[in-house]
Amino acid sequence: MKTNERFIWAASLMDVKPTDQLLEIGCGAGLLVEQLALKATQGHITAIDQSVPMITMASKRNHAFISSGKVTLVAGNFADYQFVEASFDKIVAFNVSVFWKAPEKELSLIKKALKPDGQLFVFYQTPKGADLKIAALIKTHLQNASYQLVDEQIYYEASSASAFGIIARPKSLYEY
């Protein structure tokens, strides 16, 4: 699997609209940021990663988007990030381990950060491919945090590896 294939796949599943306001948690070297910026032509992408070296690489990769004001990169932990409530149409995380470990705080913050009709996209690929145990854990965490699964598992298969995606949205007060 080429490096960008999984990010192109993820961006296509997100169905990004030109004016979307997006947040990527754990942006790494900025590969998905680049794909999202190409689609959100009039929107904005905020990307956060706790690794300063990764933010440095993402800055180099996305220099033109940053210069034009389309992308903002933040070095830090998402749980500590100060955002305006209901400011994002879509939030995405690719290979962010907190979602299968203990994401209670993060999922609560994501609910606040998403616009009322916003969606959360969680993608994961282990070095050996899509791990169904991790997918099950993520789904359980989302459901326990009152998220509705829009699409429970979407698979991406390539000759060298596979990945999965889960799409969810916070349940409204009327859905409990």
N, C-alpha and C. Protein backbone atom coordinates (compact mmCIF):
# COMPACT_ATOMS: atom_id res chain seq x y z
N MET A 1 0.85 -1.18 0.00
CA MET A 1 0.00 0.00 0.00
C MET A 1 0.90 1.24 0.00
N LYS A 2 0.68 2.12 -0.95
CA LYS A 2 1.44 3.36 -0.96
C LYS A 2 1.01 4.21 0.24
N THR A 3 1.92 5.05 0.68
CA THR A 3 1.67 5.88 1.87
C THR A 3 0.37 6.65 1.77
N ASN A 4 0.10 7.27 0.64
CA ASN A 4 -1.06 8.15 0.52
C ASN A 4 -2.38 7.43 0.27
N GLU A 5 -2.34 6.18 -0.17
CA GLU A 5 -3.57 5.48 -0.54
C GLU A 5 -4.62 5.51 0.56
N ARG A 6 -4.23 5.18 1.76
CA ARG A 6 -5.20 5.11 2.85
C ARG A 6 -5.78 6.48 3.19
N PHE A 7 -4.98 7.53 2.99
CA PHE A 7 -5.47 8.87 3.27
C PHE A 7 -6.40 9.37 2.17
N ILE A 8 -6.12 9.00 0.94
CA ILE A 8 -7.02 9.32 -0.16
C ILE A 8 -8.36 8.61 0.06
N TRP A 9 -8.30 7.34 0.48
CA TRP A 9 -9.49 6.57 0.79
C TRP A 9 -10.28 7.23 1.91
N ALA A 10 -9.61 7.59 3.00
CA ALA A 10 -10.28 8.21 4.15
C ALA A 10 -10.94 9.53 3.74
N ALA A 11 -10.23 10.36 3.01
CA ALA A 11 -10.78 11.65 2.58
C ALA A 11 -12.00 11.45 1.68
N SER A 12 -11.98 10.43 0.85
CA SER A 12 -13.14 10.18 -0.03
C SER A 12 -14.36 9.76 0.79
N LEU A 13 -14.16 8.99 1.85
CA LEU A 13 -15.29 8.57 2.70
C LEU A 13 -15.88 9.74 3.48
N MET A 14 -15.08 10.73 3.75
CA MET A 14 -15.54 11.87 4.54
C MET A 14 -16.47 12.80 3.76
N ASP A 15 -16.50 12.67 2.45
CA ASP A 15 -17.39 13.48 1.63
C ASP A 15 -17.29 14.96 2.02
N VAL A 16 -16.08 15.47 1.98
CA VAL A 16 -15.81 16.85 2.38
C VAL A 16 -16.44 17.82 1.39
N LYS A 17 -17.17 18.77 1.95
CA LYS A 17 -17.79 19.84 1.15
C LYS A 17 -16.83 21.03 1.08
N PRO A 18 -16.94 21.85 0.05
CA PRO A 18 -16.00 22.97 -0.11
C PRO A 18 -15.91 23.90 1.10
N THR A 19 -17.00 24.10 1.82
CA THR A 19 -17.00 25.05 2.94
C THR A 19 -16.84 24.38 4.31
N ASP A 20 -16.57 23.09 4.34
CA ASP A 20 -16.47 22.38 5.62
C ASP A 20 -15.37 22.93 6.52
N GLN A 21 -15.67 22.94 7.80
CA GLN A 21 -14.71 23.26 8.85
C GLN A 21 -14.31 21.91 9.46
N LEU A 22 -13.04 21.55 9.37
CA LEU A 22 -12.59 20.22 9.74
C LEU A 22 -11.53 20.26 10.83
N LEU A 23 -11.52 19.21 11.63
CA LEU A 23 -10.49 19.03 12.64
C LEU A 23 -9.91 17.64 12.49
N GLU A 24 -8.59 17.56 12.41
CA GLU A 24 -7.93 16.26 12.45
C GLU A 24 -7.18 16.15 13.75
N ILE A 25 -7.46 15.09 14.48
CA ILE A 25 -6.77 14.79 15.73
C ILE A 25 -5.66 13.80 15.41
N GLY A 26 -4.43 14.15 15.77
CA GLY A 26 -3.29 13.27 15.49
C GLY A 26 -2.91 13.29 14.03
N CYS A 27 -2.57 14.46 13.52
CA CYS A 27 -2.34 14.63 12.07
C CYS A 27 -1.02 14.06 11.57
N GLY A 28 -0.12 13.71 12.46
CA GLY A 28 1.15 13.16 12.01
C GLY A 28 1.86 14.10 11.05
N ALA A 29 2.33 13.55 9.95
CA ALA A 29 3.09 14.32 8.96
C ALA A 29 2.22 15.13 8.02
N GLY A 30 0.91 15.13 8.23
CA GLY A 30 0.02 15.99 7.44
C GLY A 30 -0.46 15.42 6.13
N LEU A 31 -0.38 14.11 5.96
CA LEU A 31 -0.83 13.50 4.70
C LEU A 31 -2.33 13.63 4.50
N LEU A 32 -3.12 13.37 5.54
CA LEU A 32 -4.57 13.51 5.41
C LEU A 32 -4.96 14.99 5.35
N VAL A 33 -4.26 15.84 6.08
CA VAL A 33 -4.53 17.29 6.02
C VAL A 33 -4.46 17.75 4.57
N GLU A 34 -3.45 17.31 3.86
CA GLU A 34 -3.27 17.69 2.46
C GLU A 34 -4.48 17.27 1.62
N GLN A 35 -4.94 16.03 1.80
CA GLN A 35 -6.10 15.54 1.05
C GLN A 35 -7.36 16.33 1.38
N LEU A 36 -7.54 16.65 2.65
CA LEU A 36 -8.72 17.40 3.08
C LEU A 36 -8.70 18.83 2.54
N ALA A 37 -7.53 19.44 2.55
CA ALA A 37 -7.39 20.82 2.08
C ALA A 37 -7.70 20.94 0.59
N LEU A 38 -7.43 19.90 -0.16
CA LEU A 38 -7.76 19.90 -1.58
C LEU A 38 -9.27 19.89 -1.81
N LYS A 39 -10.02 19.36 -0.86
CA LYS A 39 -11.48 19.25 -1.00
C LYS A 39 -12.22 20.42 -0.35
N ALA A 40 -11.73 20.91 0.77
CA ALA A 40 -12.38 22.01 1.49
C ALA A 40 -11.84 23.33 0.93
N THR A 41 -12.16 23.61 -0.29
CA THR A 41 -11.56 24.73 -1.02
C THR A 41 -11.88 26.09 -0.40
N GLN A 42 -13.03 26.21 0.26
CA GLN A 42 -13.40 27.47 0.91
C GLN A 42 -13.53 27.30 2.42
N GLY A 43 -13.22 26.12 2.91
CA GLY A 43 -13.32 25.83 4.33
C GLY A 43 -11.99 26.00 5.04
N HIS A 44 -11.89 25.32 6.16
CA HIS A 44 -10.68 25.41 6.96
C HIS A 44 -10.40 24.07 7.65
N ILE A 45 -9.14 23.74 7.76
CA ILE A 45 -8.72 22.52 8.45
C ILE A 45 -7.82 22.91 9.61
N THR A 46 -8.19 22.47 10.80
CA THR A 46 -7.34 22.59 11.97
C THR A 46 -6.83 21.19 12.24
N ALA A 47 -5.53 21.06 12.42
CA ALA A 47 -4.94 19.76 12.67
C ALA A 47 -4.04 19.85 13.90
N ILE A 48 -4.17 18.86 14.77
CA ILE A 48 -3.42 18.88 16.02
C ILE A 48 -2.66 17.57 16.18
N ASP A 49 -1.45 17.69 16.71
CA ASP A 49 -0.65 16.50 17.01
C ASP A 49 0.24 16.85 18.20
N GLN A 50 0.42 15.90 19.09
CA GLN A 50 1.23 16.18 20.27
C GLN A 50 2.73 16.08 19.99
N SER A 51 3.10 15.62 18.81
CA SER A 51 4.51 15.50 18.44
C SER A 51 4.96 16.74 17.65
N VAL A 52 5.89 17.50 18.22
CA VAL A 52 6.42 18.68 17.52
C VAL A 52 7.12 18.28 16.22
N PRO A 53 7.92 17.21 16.19
CA PRO A 53 8.52 16.82 14.90
C PRO A 53 7.48 16.50 13.82
N MET A 54 6.35 15.90 14.21
CA MET A 54 5.28 15.61 13.23
C MET A 54 4.65 16.91 12.73
N ILE A 55 4.43 17.85 13.62
CA ILE A 55 3.87 19.15 13.21
C ILE A 55 4.85 19.86 12.27
N THR A 56 6.13 19.73 12.53
CA THR A 56 7.14 20.32 11.65
C THR A 56 7.05 19.72 10.25
N MET A 57 6.94 18.39 10.18
CA MET A 57 6.79 17.73 8.87
C MET A 57 5.48 18.13 8.19
N ALA A 58 4.40 18.19 8.96
CA ALA A 58 3.10 18.58 8.40
C ALA A 58 3.16 20.01 7.89
N SER A 59 3.88 20.88 8.60
CA SER A 59 4.03 22.28 8.17
C SER A 59 4.74 22.37 6.83
N LYS A 60 5.79 21.59 6.66
CA LYS A 60 6.52 21.60 5.38
C LYS A 60 5.64 21.08 4.26
N ARG A 61 4.93 19.98 4.51
CA ARG A 61 4.08 19.37 3.48
C ARG A 61 2.94 20.32 3.08
N ASN A 62 2.39 21.04 4.02
CA ASN A 62 1.19 21.84 3.78
C ASN A 62 1.46 23.35 3.82
N HIS A 63 2.69 23.73 3.54
CA HIS A 63 3.09 25.14 3.60
C HIS A 63 2.15 26.05 2.81
N ALA A 64 1.81 25.68 1.60
CA ALA A 64 0.96 26.55 0.76
C ALA A 64 -0.43 26.72 1.39
N PHE A 65 -0.98 25.65 1.94
CA PHE A 65 -2.30 25.73 2.58
C PHE A 65 -2.25 26.57 3.86
N ILE A 66 -1.16 26.45 4.58
CA ILE A 66 -0.99 27.25 5.81
C ILE A 66 -0.86 28.73 5.43
N SER A 67 -0.04 29.02 4.43
CA SER A 67 0.18 30.40 3.99
C SER A 67 -1.11 31.06 3.51
N SER A 68 -1.97 30.27 2.88
CA SER A 68 -3.24 30.83 2.36
C SER A 68 -4.31 30.94 3.45
N GLY A 69 -4.01 30.44 4.65
CA GLY A 69 -4.97 30.52 5.74
C GLY A 69 -5.98 29.39 5.77
N LYS A 70 -5.81 28.40 4.91
CA LYS A 70 -6.75 27.28 4.85
C LYS A 70 -6.47 26.24 5.92
N VAL A 71 -5.24 26.14 6.39
CA VAL A 71 -4.85 25.13 7.37
C VAL A 71 -4.17 25.80 8.57
N THR A 72 -4.54 25.34 9.75
CA THR A 72 -3.87 25.73 10.99
C THR A 72 -3.38 24.46 11.66
N LEU A 73 -2.10 24.43 12.00
CA LEU A 73 -1.52 23.28 12.69
C LEU A 73 -1.25 23.66 14.14
N VAL A 74 -1.54 22.73 15.05
CA VAL A 74 -1.37 22.98 16.48
C VAL A 74 -0.55 21.84 17.08
N ALA A 75 0.53 22.20 17.78
CA ALA A 75 1.32 21.20 18.51
C ALA A 75 0.74 21.12 19.92
N GLY A 76 0.21 19.97 20.27
CA GLY A 76 -0.37 19.79 21.60
C GLY A 76 -1.30 18.61 21.65
N ASN A 77 -1.89 18.42 22.80
CA ASN A 77 -2.81 17.32 23.04
C ASN A 77 -4.23 17.82 22.81
N PHE A 78 -5.02 17.05 22.07
CA PHE A 78 -6.39 17.45 21.78
C PHE A 78 -7.19 17.73 23.06
N ALA A 79 -6.99 16.93 24.08
CA ALA A 79 -7.75 17.10 25.33
C ALA A 79 -7.47 18.44 26.00
N ASP A 80 -6.35 19.09 25.65
CA ASP A 80 -5.99 20.38 26.21
C ASP A 80 -6.28 21.55 25.27
N TYR A 81 -6.70 21.24 24.05
CA TYR A 81 -6.91 22.25 23.02
C TYR A 81 -8.17 23.06 23.31
N GLN A 82 -8.07 24.37 23.20
CA GLN A 82 -9.21 25.26 23.40
C GLN A 82 -9.86 25.56 22.06
N PHE A 83 -11.08 25.11 21.86
CA PHE A 83 -11.79 25.31 20.61
C PHE A 83 -13.11 26.01 20.89
N VAL A 84 -13.68 26.57 19.84
CA VAL A 84 -15.00 27.18 19.94
C VAL A 84 -16.03 26.06 19.81
N GLU A 85 -16.98 26.00 20.73
CA GLU A 85 -17.98 24.94 20.68
C GLU A 85 -18.77 24.99 19.38
N ALA A 86 -19.16 23.81 18.90
CA ALA A 86 -19.95 23.64 17.68
C ALA A 86 -19.29 24.31 16.48
N SER A 87 -18.00 24.10 16.33
CA SER A 87 -17.28 24.79 15.26
C SER A 87 -16.85 23.89 14.10
N PHE A 88 -17.00 22.57 14.23
CA PHE A 88 -16.50 21.67 13.18
C PHE A 88 -17.63 20.84 12.56
N ASP A 89 -17.59 20.74 11.24
CA ASP A 89 -18.54 19.89 10.52
C ASP A 89 -18.14 18.42 10.65
N LYS A 90 -16.83 18.19 10.61
CA LYS A 90 -16.32 16.82 10.67
C LYS A 90 -15.02 16.82 11.47
N ILE A 91 -14.88 15.76 12.26
CA ILE A 91 -13.64 15.55 13.01
C ILE A 91 -13.15 14.16 12.63
N VAL A 92 -11.84 14.06 12.40
CA VAL A 92 -11.27 12.80 11.96
C VAL A 92 -10.03 12.47 12.78
N ALA A 93 -9.84 11.18 12.98
CA ALA A 93 -8.63 10.67 13.63
C ALA A 93 -8.22 9.40 12.91
N PHE A 94 -6.97 9.32 12.53
CA PHE A 94 -6.45 8.13 11.84
C PHE A 94 -5.30 7.59 12.68
N ASN A 95 -5.45 6.36 13.15
CA ASN A 95 -4.44 5.69 13.98
C ASN A 95 -4.15 6.44 15.28
N VAL A 96 -5.19 6.91 15.93
CA VAL A 96 -5.05 7.58 17.22
C VAL A 96 -5.49 6.59 18.30
N SER A 97 -4.54 6.13 19.07
CA SER A 97 -4.78 5.02 20.00
C SER A 97 -5.78 5.33 21.11
N VAL A 98 -5.96 6.59 21.46
CA VAL A 98 -6.88 6.91 22.56
C VAL A 98 -8.29 6.40 22.27
N PHE A 99 -8.68 6.28 21.01
CA PHE A 99 -10.04 5.87 20.68
C PHE A 99 -10.32 4.40 20.99
N TRP A 100 -9.30 3.60 21.12
CA TRP A 100 -9.54 2.21 21.53
C TRP A 100 -9.04 1.92 22.94
N LYS A 101 -8.46 2.93 23.57
CA LYS A 101 -7.99 2.75 24.96
C LYS A 101 -9.03 3.29 25.93
N ALA A 102 -9.01 4.57 26.19
CA ALA A 102 -9.94 5.19 27.15
C ALA A 102 -10.31 6.59 26.67
N PRO A 103 -11.24 6.70 25.73
CA PRO A 103 -11.51 8.00 25.09
C PRO A 103 -12.63 8.83 25.71
N GLU A 104 -13.00 8.57 26.94
CA GLU A 104 -14.16 9.26 27.51
C GLU A 104 -14.04 10.78 27.43
N LYS A 105 -12.91 11.31 27.88
CA LYS A 105 -12.72 12.77 27.86
C LYS A 105 -12.73 13.30 26.43
N GLU A 106 -12.01 12.64 25.55
CA GLU A 106 -11.92 13.09 24.16
C GLU A 106 -13.28 13.04 23.47
N LEU A 107 -14.05 11.96 23.69
CA LEU A 107 -15.36 11.85 23.05
C LEU A 107 -16.32 12.92 23.57
N SER A 108 -16.20 13.27 24.83
CA SER A 108 -17.02 14.35 25.39
C SER A 108 -16.65 15.69 24.74
N LEU A 109 -15.36 15.94 24.58
CA LEU A 109 -14.91 17.18 23.93
C LEU A 109 -15.32 17.23 22.46
N ILE A 110 -15.26 16.08 21.79
CA ILE A 110 -15.66 16.03 20.38
C ILE A 110 -17.13 16.38 20.23
N LYS A 111 -17.97 15.89 21.14
CA LYS A 111 -19.40 16.24 21.10
C LYS A 111 -19.58 17.75 21.13
N LYS A 112 -18.82 18.41 21.98
CA LYS A 112 -18.93 19.87 22.10
C LYS A 112 -18.38 20.58 20.86
N ALA A 113 -17.34 20.00 20.26
CA ALA A 113 -16.68 20.65 19.12
C ALA A 113 -17.46 20.50 17.82
N LEU A 114 -18.26 19.44 17.70
CA LEU A 114 -19.01 19.20 16.46
C LEU A 114 -20.23 20.10 16.37
N LYS A 115 -20.51 20.54 15.16
CA LYS A 115 -21.77 21.22 14.89
C LYS A 115 -22.90 20.21 15.09
N PRO A 116 -24.16 20.67 15.25
CA PRO A 116 -25.25 19.75 15.53
C PRO A 116 -25.38 18.57 14.57
N ASP A 117 -25.07 18.75 13.32
CA ASP A 117 -25.17 17.65 12.35
C ASP A 117 -23.80 17.08 11.98
N GLY A 118 -22.79 17.36 12.82
CA GLY A 118 -21.42 16.94 12.54
C GLY A 118 -21.19 15.46 12.73
N GLN A 119 -20.08 14.99 12.17
CA GLN A 119 -19.73 13.58 12.24
C GLN A 119 -18.28 13.39 12.67
N LEU A 120 -18.06 12.25 13.31
CA LEU A 120 -16.72 11.82 13.72
C LEU A 120 -16.32 10.64 12.86
N PHE A 121 -15.11 10.69 12.34
CA PHE A 121 -14.56 9.61 11.52
C PHE A 121 -13.33 9.06 12.22
N VAL A 122 -13.36 7.78 12.55
CA VAL A 122 -12.22 7.13 13.19
C VAL A 122 -11.72 6.06 12.25
N PHE A 123 -10.46 6.23 11.82
CA PHE A 123 -9.84 5.26 10.92
C PHE A 123 -8.67 4.61 11.63
N TYR A 124 -8.42 3.36 11.29
CA TYR A 124 -7.32 2.66 11.95
C TYR A 124 -6.71 1.61 11.02
N GLN A 125 -5.39 1.55 11.07
CA GLN A 125 -4.65 0.53 10.35
C GLN A 125 -3.45 0.16 11.20
N THR A 126 -3.39 -1.07 11.62
CA THR A 126 -2.21 -1.55 12.34
C THR A 126 -1.17 -1.95 11.30
N PRO A 127 0.07 -2.18 11.73
CA PRO A 127 1.07 -2.63 10.77
C PRO A 127 0.67 -3.93 10.05
N LYS A 128 -0.20 -4.71 10.67
CA LYS A 128 -0.65 -5.96 10.06
C LYS A 128 -2.00 -5.82 9.39
N GLY A 129 -2.55 -4.62 9.37
CA GLY A 129 -3.83 -4.41 8.72
C GLY A 129 -4.94 -4.08 9.69
N ALA A 130 -6.18 -4.25 9.25
CA ALA A 130 -7.35 -3.92 10.07
C ALA A 130 -7.49 -4.95 11.18
N ASP A 131 -7.51 -4.49 12.40
CA ASP A 131 -7.65 -5.36 13.57
C ASP A 131 -9.09 -5.27 14.07
N LEU A 132 -9.84 -6.35 13.92
CA LEU A 132 -11.26 -6.33 14.28
C LEU A 132 -11.48 -6.17 15.78
N LYS A 133 -10.52 -6.57 16.60
CA LYS A 133 -10.65 -6.36 18.05
C LYS A 133 -10.62 -4.87 18.36
N ILE A 134 -9.75 -4.13 17.69
CA ILE A 134 -9.69 -2.69 17.89
C ILE A 134 -10.98 -2.04 17.39
N ALA A 135 -11.49 -2.49 16.25
CA ALA A 135 -12.75 -1.95 15.72
C ALA A 135 -13.88 -2.16 16.73
N ALA A 136 -13.95 -3.32 17.32
CA ALA A 136 -14.99 -3.62 18.31
C ALA A 136 -14.87 -2.72 19.54
N LEU A 137 -13.64 -2.50 20.00
CA LEU A 137 -13.43 -1.63 21.15
C LEU A 137 -13.86 -0.19 20.85
N ILE A 138 -13.49 0.29 19.69
CA ILE A 138 -13.85 1.66 19.30
C ILE A 138 -15.37 1.80 19.23
N LYS A 139 -16.05 0.84 18.62
CA LYS A 139 -17.51 0.90 18.52
C LYS A 139 -18.14 0.90 19.91
N THR A 140 -17.63 0.07 20.80
CA THR A 140 -18.16 0.02 22.17
C THR A 140 -17.98 1.36 22.87
N HIS A 141 -16.79 1.93 22.76
CA HIS A 141 -16.53 3.24 23.38
C HIS A 141 -17.47 4.32 22.82
N LEU A 142 -17.67 4.31 21.52
CA LEU A 142 -18.56 5.30 20.90
C LEU A 142 -19.99 5.13 21.40
N GLN A 143 -20.46 3.91 21.43
CA GLN A 143 -21.83 3.66 21.89
C GLN A 143 -21.99 4.01 23.36
N ASN A 144 -21.00 3.68 24.18
CA ASN A 144 -21.06 4.02 25.61
C ASN A 144 -21.06 5.52 25.85
N ALA A 145 -20.50 6.27 24.91
CA ALA A 145 -20.44 7.73 25.03
C ALA A 145 -21.61 8.40 24.31
N SER A 146 -22.65 7.63 23.99
CA SER A 146 -23.87 8.14 23.34
C SER A 146 -23.63 8.68 21.94
N TYR A 147 -22.86 7.94 21.17
CA TYR A 147 -22.71 8.22 19.75
C TYR A 147 -23.52 7.20 18.98
N GLN A 148 -24.11 7.64 17.90
CA GLN A 148 -24.81 6.74 16.99
C GLN A 148 -23.84 6.36 15.89
N LEU A 149 -23.74 5.06 15.61
CA LEU A 149 -22.87 4.61 14.54
C LEU A 149 -23.59 4.81 13.22
N VAL A 150 -23.02 5.65 12.37
CA VAL A 150 -23.59 5.91 11.05
C VAL A 150 -23.18 4.80 10.11
N ASP A 151 -21.94 4.42 10.17
CA ASP A 151 -21.43 3.28 9.41
C ASP A 151 -20.43 2.57 10.31
N GLU A 152 -20.77 1.36 10.71
CA GLU A 152 -20.01 0.66 11.75
C GLU A 152 -18.61 0.25 11.34
N GLN A 153 -18.45 -0.23 10.16
CA GLN A 153 -17.12 -0.65 9.72
C GLN A 153 -17.05 -0.59 8.21
N ILE A 154 -16.12 0.17 7.75
CA ILE A 154 -15.86 0.26 6.33
C ILE A 154 -14.43 -0.22 6.14
N TYR A 155 -14.25 -1.15 5.25
CA TYR A 155 -12.91 -1.71 5.07
C TYR A 155 -12.24 -1.17 3.83
N TYR A 156 -10.95 -1.04 3.94
CA TYR A 156 -10.12 -0.69 2.81
C TYR A 156 -9.12 -1.82 2.65
N GLU A 157 -9.14 -2.45 1.52
CA GLU A 157 -8.24 -3.58 1.27
C GLU A 157 -7.24 -3.20 0.19
N ALA A 158 -5.99 -3.49 0.46
CA ALA A 158 -4.93 -3.31 -0.53
C ALA A 158 -4.06 -4.56 -0.46
N SER A 159 -3.20 -4.72 -1.41
CA SER A 159 -2.38 -5.93 -1.45
C SER A 159 -1.45 -6.04 -0.24
N SER A 160 -1.00 -4.93 0.30
CA SER A 160 -0.03 -4.98 1.39
C SER A 160 -0.62 -4.78 2.78
N ALA A 161 -1.83 -4.22 2.87
CA ALA A 161 -2.42 -3.96 4.18
C ALA A 161 -3.89 -3.62 4.01
N SER A 162 -4.57 -3.53 5.13
CA SER A 162 -5.97 -3.12 5.12
C SER A 162 -6.21 -2.15 6.28
N ALA A 163 -7.31 -1.44 6.20
CA ALA A 163 -7.67 -0.48 7.24
C ALA A 163 -9.18 -0.53 7.43
N PHE A 164 -9.66 0.06 8.52
CA PHE A 164 -11.10 0.17 8.70
C PHE A 164 -11.44 1.59 9.12
N GLY A 165 -12.69 1.94 8.90
CA GLY A 165 -13.20 3.23 9.31
C GLY A 165 -14.53 3.06 9.99
N ILE A 166 -14.81 3.91 10.95
CA ILE A 166 -16.09 3.95 11.64
C ILE A 166 -16.56 5.39 11.60
N ILE A 167 -17.81 5.59 11.22
CA ILE A 167 -18.39 6.92 11.16
C ILE A 167 -19.48 6.99 12.23
N ALA A 168 -19.43 8.04 13.04
CA ALA A 168 -20.40 8.19 14.12
C ALA A 168 -20.80 9.65 14.26
N ARG A 169 -21.89 9.85 14.96
CA ARG A 169 -22.31 11.20 15.30
C ARG A 169 -22.92 11.15 16.70
N PRO A 170 -22.79 12.24 17.44
CA PRO A 170 -23.40 12.25 18.77
C PRO A 170 -24.92 12.13 18.66
N LYS A 171 -25.51 11.36 19.55
CA LYS A 171 -26.96 11.26 19.57
C LYS A 171 -27.53 12.58 20.07
N SER A 172 -28.63 12.98 19.49
CA SER A 172 -29.29 14.20 19.98
C SER A 172 -30.09 13.85 21.22
N LEU A 173 -30.56 14.84 21.90
CA LEU A 173 -31.36 14.62 23.10
C LEU A 173 -32.61 13.80 22.81
N TYR A 174 -33.07 13.84 21.57
CA TYR A 174 -34.31 13.16 21.20
C TYR A 174 -34.08 11.69 20.86
N GLU A 175 -32.82 11.26 20.79
CA GLU A 175 -32.51 9.89 20.38
C GLU A 175 -32.20 8.97 21.55
N TYR A 176 -32.26 9.45 22.78
CA TYR A 176 -31.91 8.60 23.92
C TYR A 176 -33.00 7.64 24.26
